[in-house]
Protein backbone atom coordinates (compact mmCIF):
# COMPACT_ATOMS: atom_id res chain seq x y z
CA UNK A 1 0.00 0.00 0.00
CA UNK A 2 1.21 3.46 -0.86
CA UNK A 3 1.34 6.20 1.78
CA UNK A 4 -1.01 7.84 2.50
CA UNK A 5 -3.51 4.99 2.79
CA UNK A 6 -7.08 6.00 2.08
CA UNK A 7 -9.84 3.80 3.48
CA UNK A 8 -13.45 4.03 2.39
CA UNK A 9 -15.67 2.86 5.26
CA UNK A 10 -19.40 2.55 5.79
CA UNK A 11 -21.31 4.00 8.74
CA UNK A 12 -20.67 0.82 10.77
CA UNK A 13 -16.91 1.12 10.23
CA UNK A 14 -16.62 -1.76 7.74
CA UNK A 15 -13.84 -1.16 5.24
CA UNK A 16 -15.32 -1.07 1.74
CA UNK A 17 -12.01 -0.48 0.00
CA UNK A 18 -8.49 0.85 0.36
CA UNK A 19 -6.21 2.75 -1.94
CA UNK A 20 -3.39 5.22 -1.79
CA UNK A 21 -2.41 8.46 -3.44
CA UNK A 22 -2.83 8.34 -7.20
CA UNK A 23 -1.75 11.11 -9.54
CA UNK A 24 -4.91 11.45 -11.64
CA UNK A 25 -7.83 13.76 -12.17
CA UNK A 26 -10.62 13.97 -9.61
CA UNK A 27 -13.04 12.33 -12.05
CA UNK A 28 -10.74 9.35 -12.59
CA UNK A 29 -10.13 9.02 -8.84
CA UNK A 30 -13.88 9.02 -8.13
CA UNK A 31 -14.30 6.33 -10.79
CA UNK A 32 -11.60 4.29 -9.01
CA UNK A 33 -13.36 4.64 -5.66
CA UNK A 34 -16.68 3.52 -7.09
CA UNK A 35 -15.12 0.25 -8.31
CA UNK A 36 -14.91 -1.05 -4.75
CA UNK A 37 -17.28 -4.04 -4.49
CA UNK A 38 -19.40 -2.69 -1.63
CA UNK A 39 -19.30 1.01 -2.52
CA UNK A 40 -22.72 2.63 -2.29
CA UNK A 41 -24.53 -0.35 -0.77
């Protein structure tokens, strides 16, 4: 994992996904985050 580690968690604290810093546009980064299996459920 690349520093800094970014965790996406739900309201119960379950980790939905993890990533690190990526040099890309905000739109591409949001697309990356939404690829996590449990994102938005």
